[in-house]
Structure formats: structure tokens, C-alpha cells
Amino acid sequence: MSKIRLQGPENFGGFSHDGESYVADEDGVIEVPPHLPTEVLVAHGLKPAAAKVVKPLAKSAKGGEPDPVEPGPETEARDMKPAQKGAKSAKGGEQ
């Protein structure tokens, strides 16, 4: 059975309904069955939570190749060939 993820208000720890307790995680997110009445959820200040994002492990953590480095000013300067750093212009070179 699927559950609905809801975000509780600040310092929300959970609630109970019809003798069933529902406990929030450390971020105040709680998963409840879809059969709970909307009025009960709203009365406890619950709102739809953001989707749960599961980050995949980096290849380096799995023992594969390391993740590529994002290009930026530091990597571009490091990766430039010496001839490119002081390249002469086509009109007669540096002066």
C-alpha cells in the first residue's frame, strides 16, 4: 500500500488518529496511509512534502572511475597548454 508524504509544522513530532500513532522523522516529514481524512491532516498542520530524493553513489565510492571535474576557471587555467597562455597574436606577436 502506498503512503502519502507530508511535512509537519516546526517542531512537529507526529500525531495519532483512531488509536494509530504516526511519527515524523527528524525533518518533520511523516508518511501516512491515503485513507486518513484530509480534515485530520489539515488540523495537524500537515502539508504536502517534497518528493524523497535518493542520491546515487558516486562511481568513486562504488570502486569505479572518479566523477569528472566540472570545468571552471581553475581547471581551465590548469589544463591550458603553455603555448596557449602566452600565445602571440597573428599581427606580429607580443610587444
PDB file of N, CA and C in Angstrom:
ATOM      1  N   MET A   1       0.841  -1.161   0.000  1.00  0.00           N
ATOM      2  CA  MET A   1       0.000   0.000   0.000  1.00  0.00           C
ATOM      3  C   MET A   1       0.898   1.240   0.000  1.00  0.00           C
ATOM      4  N   SER A   2       0.623   2.188  -0.874  1.00  0.00           N
ATOM      5  CA  SER A   2       1.423   3.400  -0.953  1.00  0.00           C
ATOM      6  C   SER A   2       1.067   4.344   0.183  1.00  0.00           C
ATOM      7  N   LYS A   3       2.004   5.222   0.484  1.00  0.00           N
ATOM      8  CA  LYS A   3       1.786   6.188   1.554  1.00  0.00           C
ATOM      9  C   LYS A   3       1.943   7.590   1.007  1.00  0.00           C
ATOM     10  N   ILE A   4       1.393   8.547   1.744  1.00  0.00           N
ATOM     11  CA  ILE A   4       1.471   9.948   1.364  1.00  0.00           C
ATOM     12  C   ILE A   4       2.513  10.610   2.269  1.00  0.00           C
ATOM     13  N   ARG A   5       3.447  11.365   1.661  1.00  0.00           N
ATOM     14  CA  ARG A   5       4.468  12.097   2.431  1.00  0.00           C
ATOM     15  C   ARG A   5       3.964  13.505   2.704  1.00  0.00           C
ATOM     16  N   LEU A   6       3.994  13.882   3.984  1.00  0.00           N
ATOM     17  CA  LEU A   6       3.519  15.205   4.392  1.00  0.00           C
ATOM     18  C   LEU A   6       4.560  15.873   5.267  1.00  0.00           C
ATOM     19  N   GLN A   7       4.617  17.194   5.183  1.00  0.00           N
ATOM     20  CA  GLN A   7       5.527  17.980   6.006  1.00  0.00           C
ATOM     21  C   GLN A   7       4.743  18.599   7.153  1.00  0.00           C
ATOM     22  N   GLY A   8       5.217  18.384   8.363  1.00  0.00           N
ATOM     23  CA  GLY A   8       4.571  18.958   9.535  1.00  0.00           C
ATOM     24  C   GLY A   8       5.108  20.345   9.841  1.00  0.00           C
ATOM     25  N   PRO A   9       4.441  21.066  10.717  1.00  0.00           N
ATOM     26  CA  PRO A   9       4.924  22.387  11.117  1.00  0.00           C
ATOM     27  C   PRO A   9       6.217  22.265  11.932  1.00  0.00           C
ATOM     28  N   GLU A  10       6.819  23.394  12.259  1.00  0.00           N
ATOM     29  CA  GLU A  10       8.068  23.405  13.021  1.00  0.00           C
ATOM     30  C   GLU A  10       7.877  22.643  14.332  1.00  0.00           C
ATOM     31  N   ASN A  11       8.881  21.850  14.697  1.00  0.00           N
ATOM     32  CA  ASN A  11       8.882  21.029  15.921  1.00  0.00           C
ATOM     33  C   ASN A  11       7.779  19.974  15.946  1.00  0.00           C
ATOM     34  N   PHE A  12       7.336  19.521  14.794  1.00  0.00           N
ATOM     35  CA  PHE A  12       6.294  18.502  14.680  1.00  0.00           C
ATOM     36  C   PHE A  12       6.902  17.138  14.957  1.00  0.00           C
ATOM     37  N   GLY A  13       6.276  16.358  15.839  1.00  0.00           N
ATOM     38  CA  GLY A  13       6.794  15.043  16.178  1.00  0.00           C
ATOM     39  C   GLY A  13       5.905  13.904  15.736  1.00  0.00           C
ATOM     40  N   GLY A  14       4.650  14.208  15.421  1.00  0.00           N
ATOM     41  CA  GLY A  14       3.730  13.174  14.989  1.00  0.00           C
ATOM     42  C   GLY A  14       2.346  13.414  15.575  1.00  0.00           C
ATOM     43  N   PHE A  15       1.453  12.452  15.338  1.00  0.00           N
ATOM     44  CA  PHE A  15       0.091  12.541  15.853  1.00  0.00           C
ATOM     45  C   PHE A  15      -0.503  11.143  15.887  1.00  0.00           C
ATOM     46  N   SER A  16      -1.690  11.042  16.481  1.00  0.00           N
ATOM     47  CA  SER A  16      -2.399   9.760  16.475  1.00  0.00           C
ATOM     48  C   SER A  16      -3.834   9.994  16.031  1.00  0.00           C
ATOM     49  N   HIS A  17      -4.389   8.976  15.390  1.00  0.00           N
ATOM     50  CA  HIS A  17      -5.761   9.044  14.898  1.00  0.00           C
ATOM     51  C   HIS A  17      -6.336   7.636  14.928  1.00  0.00           C
ATOM     52  N   ASP A  18      -7.518   7.493  15.500  1.00  0.00           N
ATOM     53  CA  ASP A  18      -8.187   6.193  15.621  1.00  0.00           C
ATOM     54  C   ASP A  18      -7.288   5.137  16.259  1.00  0.00           C
ATOM     55  N   GLY A  19      -6.531   5.540  17.284  1.00  0.00           N
ATOM     56  CA  GLY A  19      -5.681   4.599  18.008  1.00  0.00           C
ATOM     57  C   GLY A  19      -4.384   4.246  17.304  1.00  0.00           C
ATOM     58  N   GLU A  20      -4.099   4.841  16.178  1.00  0.00           N
ATOM     59  CA  GLU A  20      -2.873   4.573  15.418  1.00  0.00           C
ATOM     60  C   GLU A  20      -1.954   5.781  15.539  1.00  0.00           C
ATOM     61  N   SER A  21      -0.683   5.555  15.885  1.00  0.00           N
ATOM     62  CA  SER A  21       0.291   6.646  16.013  1.00  0.00           C
ATOM     63  C   SER A  21       1.105   6.776  14.730  1.00  0.00           C
ATOM     64  N   TYR A  22       1.381   8.011  14.351  1.00  0.00           N
ATOM     65  CA  TYR A  22       2.187   8.328  13.177  1.00  0.00           C
ATOM     66  C   TYR A  22       3.310   9.253  13.638  1.00  0.00           C
ATOM     67  N   VAL A  23       4.555   8.818  13.489  1.00  0.00           N
ATOM     68  CA  VAL A  23       5.713   9.547  13.987  1.00  0.00           C
ATOM     69  C   VAL A  23       6.462  10.180  12.822  1.00  0.00           C
ATOM     70  N   ALA A  24       6.850  11.452  13.004  1.00  0.00           N
ATOM     71  CA  ALA A  24       7.593  12.183  11.968  1.00  0.00           C
ATOM     72  C   ALA A  24       9.087  11.883  12.083  1.00  0.00           C
ATOM     73  N   ASP A  25       9.810  12.046  10.976  1.00  0.00           N
ATOM     74  CA  ASP A  25      11.259  11.888  11.016  1.00  0.00           C
ATOM     75  C   ASP A  25      11.890  13.169  11.568  1.00  0.00           C
ATOM     76  N   GLU A  26      13.207  13.237  11.583  1.00  0.00           N
ATOM     77  CA  GLU A  26      13.896  14.390  12.185  1.00  0.00           C
ATOM     78  C   GLU A  26      13.643  15.698  11.437  1.00  0.00           C
ATOM     79  N   ASP A  27      13.198  15.628  10.183  1.00  0.00           N
ATOM     80  CA  ASP A  27      12.888  16.836   9.408  1.00  0.00           C
ATOM     81  C   ASP A  27      11.419  17.230   9.499  1.00  0.00           C
ATOM     82  N   GLY A  28      10.633  16.488  10.271  1.00  0.00           N
ATOM     83  CA  GLY A  28       9.215  16.791  10.409  1.00  0.00           C
ATOM     84  C   GLY A  28       8.362  16.209   9.305  1.00  0.00           C
ATOM     85  N   VAL A  29       8.933  15.291   8.514  1.00  0.00           N
ATOM     86  CA  VAL A  29       8.192  14.649   7.430  1.00  0.00           C
ATOM     87  C   VAL A  29       7.579  13.357   7.963  1.00  0.00           C
ATOM     88  N   ILE A  30       6.339  13.134   7.585  1.00  0.00           N
ATOM     89  CA  ILE A  30       5.612  11.964   8.057  1.00  0.00           C
ATOM     90  C   ILE A  30       4.960  11.262   6.869  1.00  0.00           C
ATOM     91  N   GLU A  31       4.902   9.947   6.907  1.00  0.00           N
ATOM     92  CA  GLU A  31       4.245   9.168   5.860  1.00  0.00           C
ATOM     93  C   GLU A  31       2.991   8.545   6.465  1.00  0.00           C
ATOM     94  N   VAL A  32       1.865   8.808   5.815  1.00  0.00           N
ATOM     95  CA  VAL A  32       0.581   8.303   6.313  1.00  0.00           C
ATOM     96  C   VAL A  32      -0.139   7.551   5.205  1.00  0.00           C
ATOM     97  N   PRO A  33      -1.029   6.626   5.578  1.00  0.00           N
ATOM     98  CA  PRO A  33      -1.809   5.928   4.557  1.00  0.00           C
ATOM     99  C   PRO A  33      -2.816   6.880   3.914  1.00  0.00           C
ATOM    100  N   PRO A  34      -3.168   6.633   2.659  1.00  0.00           N
ATOM    101  CA  PRO A  34      -4.062   7.543   1.942  1.00  0.00           C
ATOM    102  C   PRO A  34      -5.503   7.564   2.454  1.00  0.00           C
ATOM    103  N   HIS A  35      -5.885   6.624   3.299  1.00  0.00           N
ATOM    104  CA  HIS A  35      -7.276   6.576   3.762  1.00  0.00           C
ATOM    105  C   HIS A  35      -7.573   7.567   4.885  1.00  0.00           C
ATOM    106  N   LEU A  36      -6.566   8.239   5.450  1.00  0.00           N
ATOM    107  CA  LEU A  36      -6.823   9.211   6.511  1.00  0.00           C
ATOM    108  C   LEU A  36      -7.577  10.406   5.950  1.00  0.00           C
ATOM    109  N   PRO A  37      -8.573  10.896   6.671  1.00  0.00           N
ATOM    110  CA  PRO A  37      -9.351  12.051   6.194  1.00  0.00           C
ATOM    111  C   PRO A  37      -8.480  13.304   6.085  1.00  0.00           C
ATOM    112  N   THR A  38      -8.677  14.053   5.028  1.00  0.00           N
ATOM    113  CA  THR A  38      -7.926  15.284   4.790  1.00  0.00           C
ATOM    114  C   THR A  38      -8.093  16.254   5.949  1.00  0.00           C
ATOM    115  N   GLU A  39      -9.286  16.302   6.551  1.00  0.00           N
ATOM    116  CA  GLU A  39      -9.541  17.216   7.661  1.00  0.00           C
ATOM    117  C   GLU A  39      -8.609  16.946   8.835  1.00  0.00           C
ATOM    118  N   VAL A  40      -8.315  15.672   9.079  1.00  0.00           N
ATOM    119  CA  VAL A  40      -7.422  15.303  10.179  1.00  0.00           C
ATOM    120  C   VAL A  40      -6.016  15.819   9.887  1.00  0.00           C
ATOM    121  N   LEU A  41      -5.565  15.649   8.658  1.00  0.00           N
ATOM    122  CA  LEU A  41      -4.211  16.069   8.276  1.00  0.00           C
ATOM    123  C   LEU A  41      -4.066  17.584   8.361  1.00  0.00           C
ATOM    124  N   VAL A  42      -5.058  18.305   7.869  1.00  0.00           N
ATOM    125  CA  VAL A  42      -5.036  19.767   7.896  1.00  0.00           C
ATOM    126  C   VAL A  42      -5.089  20.264   9.337  1.00  0.00           C
ATOM    127  N   ALA A  43      -5.860  19.611  10.188  1.00  0.00           N
ATOM    128  CA  ALA A  43      -5.976  20.009  11.591  1.00  0.00           C
ATOM    129  C   ALA A  43      -4.641  19.923  12.325  1.00  0.00           C
ATOM    130  N   HIS A  44      -3.765  19.023  11.873  1.00  0.00           N
ATOM    131  CA  HIS A  44      -2.442  18.890  12.477  1.00  0.00           C
ATOM    132  C   HIS A  44      -1.400  19.776  11.787  1.00  0.00           C
ATOM    133  N   GLY A  45      -1.818  20.568  10.825  1.00  0.00           N
ATOM    134  CA  GLY A  45      -0.905  21.487  10.143  1.00  0.00           C
ATOM    135  C   GLY A  45      -0.034  20.833   9.086  1.00  0.00           C
ATOM    136  N   LEU A  46      -0.448  19.674   8.599  1.00  0.00           N
ATOM    137  CA  LEU A  46       0.347  18.948   7.611  1.00  0.00           C
ATOM    138  C   LEU A  46       0.095  19.472   6.205  1.00  0.00           C
ATOM    139  N   LYS A  47       1.184  19.545   5.435  1.00  0.00           N
ATOM    140  CA  LYS A  47       1.117  19.986   4.031  1.00  0.00           C
ATOM    141  C   LYS A  47       1.904  18.996   3.188  1.00  0.00           C
ATOM    142  N   PRO A  48       1.671  18.967   1.872  1.00  0.00           N
ATOM    143  CA  PRO A  48       2.437  18.051   1.020  1.00  0.00           C
ATOM    144  C   PRO A  48       3.945  18.294   1.159  1.00  0.00           C
ATOM    145  N   ALA A  49       4.697  17.215   1.262  1.00  0.00           N
ATOM    146  CA  ALA A  49       6.158  17.296   1.388  1.00  0.00           C
ATOM    147  C   ALA A  49       6.798  17.140   0.012  1.00  0.00           C
ATOM    148  N   ALA A  50       7.999  17.630  -0.099  1.00  0.00           N
ATOM    149  CA  ALA A  50       8.761  17.466  -1.339  1.00  0.00           C
ATOM    150  C   ALA A  50       9.047  15.978  -1.541  1.00  0.00           C
ATOM    151  N   ALA A  51       9.202  15.603  -2.787  1.00  0.00           N
ATOM    152  CA  ALA A  51       9.480  14.205  -3.110  1.00  0.00           C
ATOM    153  C   ALA A  51      10.798  13.779  -2.481  1.00  0.00           C
ATOM    154  N   LYS A  52      10.851  12.542  -2.066  1.00  0.00           N
ATOM    155  CA  LYS A  52      12.058  11.996  -1.466  1.00  0.00           C
ATOM    156  C   LYS A  52      13.090  11.785  -2.563  1.00  0.00           C
ATOM    157  N   VAL A  53      14.251  12.403  -2.402  1.00  0.00           N
ATOM    158  CA  VAL A  53      15.303  12.305  -3.409  1.00  0.00           C
ATOM    159  C   VAL A  53      16.382  11.374  -2.885  1.00  0.00           C
ATOM    160  N   VAL A  54      16.668  10.353  -3.659  1.00  0.00           N
ATOM    161  CA  VAL A  54      17.721   9.417  -3.299  1.00  0.00           C
ATOM    162  C   VAL A  54      18.896   9.690  -4.221  1.00  0.00           C
ATOM    163  N   LYS A  55      20.010  10.115  -3.624  1.00  0.00           N
ATOM    164  CA  LYS A  55      21.195  10.423  -4.414  1.00  0.00           C
ATOM    165  C   LYS A  55      21.943   9.130  -4.708  1.00  0.00           C
ATOM    166  N   PRO A  56      22.296   8.902  -5.973  1.00  0.00           N
ATOM    167  CA  PRO A  56      23.089   7.708  -6.282  1.00  0.00           C
ATOM    168  C   PRO A  56      24.510   7.889  -5.769  1.00  0.00           C
ATOM    169  N   LEU A  57      25.144   6.790  -5.440  1.00  0.00           N
ATOM    170  CA  LEU A  57      26.531   6.854  -5.003  1.00  0.00           C
ATOM    171  C   LEU A  57      27.419   7.272  -6.164  1.00  0.00           C
ATOM    172  N   ALA A  58      28.460   8.012  -5.860  1.00  0.00           N
ATOM    173  CA  ALA A  58      29.430   8.386  -6.882  1.00  0.00           C
ATOM    174  C   ALA A  58      30.164   7.130  -7.326  1.00  0.00           C
ATOM    175  N   LYS A  59      30.605   7.118  -8.574  1.00  0.00           N
ATOM    176  CA  LYS A  59      31.316   5.944  -9.080  1.00  0.00           C
ATOM    177  C   LYS A  59      32.554   5.661  -8.252  1.00  0.00           C
ATOM    178  N   SER A  60      33.213   6.723  -7.775  1.00  0.00           N
ATOM    179  CA  SER A  60      34.423   6.517  -6.985  1.00  0.00           C
ATOM    180  C   SER A  60      34.100   5.794  -5.677  1.00  0.00           C
ATOM    181  N   ALA A  61      32.906   6.025  -5.106  1.00  0.00           N
ATOM    182  CA  ALA A  61      32.514   5.346  -3.883  1.00  0.00           C
ATOM    183  C   ALA A  61      32.212   3.881  -4.145  1.00  0.00           C
ATOM    184  N   LYS A  62      31.793   3.559  -5.358  1.00  0.00           N
ATOM    185  CA  LYS A  62      31.478   2.183  -5.712  1.00  0.00           C
ATOM    186  C   LYS A  62      32.727   1.423  -6.158  1.00  0.00           C
ATOM    187  N   GLY A  63      33.859   2.123  -6.313  1.00  0.00           N
ATOM    188  CA  GLY A  63      35.068   1.470  -6.763  1.00  0.00           C
ATOM    189  C   GLY A  63      35.305   1.649  -8.247  1.00  0.00           C
ATOM    190  N   GLY A  64      34.517   2.464  -8.911  1.00  0.00           N
ATOM    191  CA  GLY A  64      34.681   2.707 -10.339  1.00  0.00           C
ATOM    192  C   GLY A  64      35.538   3.925 -10.590  1.00  0.00           C
ATOM    193  N   GLU A  65      35.340   4.553 -11.709  1.00  0.00           N
ATOM    194  CA  GLU A  65      36.102   5.743 -12.055  1.00  0.00           C
ATOM    195  C   GLU A  65      35.603   6.928 -11.241  1.00  0.00           C
ATOM    196  N   PRO A  66      36.491   7.865 -10.919  1.00  0.00           N
ATOM    197  CA  PRO A  66      36.041   9.052 -10.180  1.00  0.00           C
ATOM    198  C   PRO A  66      35.157   9.927 -11.053  1.00  0.00           C
ATOM    199  N   ASP A  67      34.318  10.716 -10.404  1.00  0.00           N
ATOM    200  CA  ASP A  67      33.448  11.632 -11.127  1.00  0.00           C
ATOM    201  C   ASP A  67      34.292  12.688 -11.835  1.00  0.00           C
ATOM    202  N   PRO A  68      33.876  13.121 -13.028  1.00  0.00           N
ATOM    203  CA  PRO A  68      34.644  14.150 -13.731  1.00  0.00           C
ATOM    204  C   PRO A  68      34.564  15.484 -13.001  1.00  0.00           C
ATOM    205  N   VAL A  69      35.613  16.279 -13.165  1.00  0.00           N
ATOM    206  CA  VAL A  69      35.663  17.595 -12.541  1.00  0.00           C
ATOM    207  C   VAL A  69      34.912  18.569 -13.432  1.00  0.00           C
ATOM    208  N   GLU A  70      34.073  19.393 -12.803  1.00  0.00           N
ATOM    209  CA  GLU A  70      33.330  20.397 -13.555  1.00  0.00           C
ATOM    210  C   GLU A  70      34.300  21.446 -14.086  1.00  0.00           C
ATOM    211  N   PRO A  71      34.189  21.829 -15.361  1.00  0.00           N
ATOM    212  CA  PRO A  71      35.078  22.856 -15.880  1.00  0.00           C
ATOM    213  C   PRO A  71      34.776  24.207 -15.242  1.00  0.00           C
ATOM    214  N   GLY A  72      35.806  24.941 -14.971  1.00  0.00           N
ATOM    215  CA  GLY A  72      35.668  26.266 -14.377  1.00  0.00           C
ATOM    216  C   GLY A  72      36.971  27.011 -14.564  1.00  0.00           C
ATOM    217  N   PRO A  73      37.094  28.202 -14.044  1.00  0.00           N
ATOM    218  CA  PRO A  73      38.308  28.990 -14.232  1.00  0.00           C
ATOM    219  C   PRO A  73      39.555  28.280 -13.715  1.00  0.00           C
ATOM    220  N   GLU A  74      39.447  27.571 -12.574  1.00  0.00           N
ATOM    221  CA  GLU A  74      40.619  26.896 -12.018  1.00  0.00           C
ATOM    222  C   GLU A  74      41.076  25.744 -12.910  1.00  0.00           C
ATOM    223  N   THR A  75      40.134  24.927 -13.366  1.00  0.00           N
ATOM    224  CA  THR A  75      40.506  23.772 -14.177  1.00  0.00           C
ATOM    225  C   THR A  75      40.918  24.191 -15.578  1.00  0.00           C
ATOM    226  N   GLU A  76      40.321  25.251 -16.111  1.00  0.00           N
ATOM    227  CA  GLU A  76      40.696  25.707 -17.444  1.00  0.00           C
ATOM    228  C   GLU A  76      42.123  26.240 -17.439  1.00  0.00           C
ATOM    229  N   ALA A  77      42.498  27.008 -16.436  1.00  0.00           N
ATOM    230  CA  ALA A  77      43.851  27.538 -16.351  1.00  0.00           C
ATOM    231  C   ALA A  77      44.852  26.409 -16.148  1.00  0.00           C
ATOM    232  N   ARG A  78      44.488  25.428 -15.352  1.00  0.00           N
ATOM    233  CA  ARG A  78      45.380  24.300 -15.090  1.00  0.00           C
ATOM    234  C   ARG A  78      45.566  23.449 -16.336  1.00  0.00           C
ATOM    235  N   ASP A  79      44.504  23.283 -17.127  1.00  0.00           N
ATOM    236  CA  ASP A  79      44.553  22.398 -18.276  1.00  0.00           C
ATOM    237  C   ASP A  79      45.085  23.057 -19.545  1.00  0.00           C
ATOM    238  N   MET A  80      45.340  24.370 -19.508  1.00  0.00           N
ATOM    239  CA  MET A  80      45.838  25.053 -20.701  1.00  0.00           C
ATOM    240  C   MET A  80      47.274  24.639 -20.980  1.00  0.00           C
ATOM    241  N   LYS A  81      47.610  24.505 -22.239  1.00  0.00           N
ATOM    242  CA  LYS A  81      48.972  24.193 -22.637  1.00  0.00           C
ATOM    243  C   LYS A  81      49.798  25.472 -22.515  1.00  0.00           C
ATOM    244  N   PRO A  82      51.089  25.381 -22.228  1.00  0.00           N
ATOM    245  CA  PRO A  82      51.918  26.581 -22.089  1.00  0.00           C
ATOM    246  C   PRO A  82      51.861  27.500 -23.308  1.00  0.00           C
ATOM    247  N   ALA A  83      51.749  26.944 -24.492  1.00  0.00           N
ATOM    248  CA  ALA A  83      51.714  27.777 -25.699  1.00  0.00           C
ATOM    249  C   ALA A  83      50.450  28.636 -25.727  1.00  0.00           C
ATOM    250  N   GLN A  84      49.384  28.180 -25.094  1.00  0.00           N
ATOM    251  CA  GLN A  84      48.137  28.929 -25.106  1.00  0.00           C
ATOM    252  C   GLN A  84      48.169  30.107 -24.140  1.00  0.00           C
ATOM    253  N   LYS A  85      48.946  30.002 -23.061  1.00  0.00           N
ATOM    254  CA  LYS A  85      48.958  31.051 -22.051  1.00  0.00           C
ATOM    255  C   LYS A  85      49.545  32.347 -22.605  1.00  0.00           C
ATOM    256  N   GLY A  86      50.622  32.269 -23.367  1.00  0.00           N
ATOM    257  CA  GLY A  86      51.266  33.468 -23.895  1.00  0.00           C
ATOM    258  C   GLY A  86      51.239  33.465 -25.410  1.00  0.00           C
ATOM    259  N   ALA A  87      50.146  33.075 -25.996  1.00  0.00           N
ATOM    260  CA  ALA A  87      50.055  32.964 -27.452  1.00  0.00           C
ATOM    261  C   ALA A  87      50.263  34.330 -28.098  1.00  0.00           C
ATOM    262  N   LYS A  88      50.980  34.329 -29.205  1.00  0.00           N
ATOM    263  CA  LYS A  88      51.247  35.564 -29.939  1.00  0.00           C
ATOM    264  C   LYS A  88      50.085  35.850 -30.863  1.00  0.00           C
ATOM    265  N   SER A  89      49.854  37.122 -31.071  1.00  0.00           N
ATOM    266  CA  SER A  89      48.769  37.493 -31.981  1.00  0.00           C
ATOM    267  C   SER A  89      49.217  37.292 -33.417  1.00  0.00           C
ATOM    268  N   ALA A  90      48.276  37.250 -34.332  1.00  0.00           N
ATOM    269  CA  ALA A  90      48.556  37.000 -35.746  1.00  0.00           C
ATOM    270  C   ALA A  90      49.189  38.218 -36.420  1.00  0.00           C
ATOM    271  N   LYS A  91      49.195  39.400 -35.793  1.00  0.00           N
ATOM    272  CA  LYS A  91      49.699  40.627 -36.405  1.00  0.00           C
ATOM    273  C   LYS A  91      51.118  40.954 -35.990  1.00  0.00           C
ATOM    274  N   GLY A  92      51.932  40.011 -35.699  1.00  0.00           N
ATOM    275  CA  GLY A  92      53.320  40.324 -35.423  1.00  0.00           C
ATOM    276  C   GLY A  92      53.787  39.940 -34.043  1.00  0.00           C
ATOM    277  N   GLY A  93      52.980  39.373 -33.255  1.00  0.00           N
ATOM    278  CA  GLY A  93      53.406  38.863 -31.959  1.00  0.00           C
ATOM    279  C   GLY A  93      53.289  39.861 -30.839  1.00  0.00           C
ATOM    280  N   GLU A  94      53.802  39.466 -29.683  1.00  0.00           N
ATOM    281  CA  GLU A  94      53.724  40.299 -28.490  1.00  0.00           C
ATOM    282  C   GLU A  94      54.763  41.402 -28.564  1.00  0.00           C
ATOM    283  N   GLN A  95      54.503  42.529 -27.942  1.00  0.00           N
ATOM    284  CA  GLN A  95      55.459  43.625 -27.961  1.00  0.00           C
ATOM    285  C   GLN A  95      55.727  44.119 -26.578  1.00  0.00           C
TER     286      GLN A  95
END
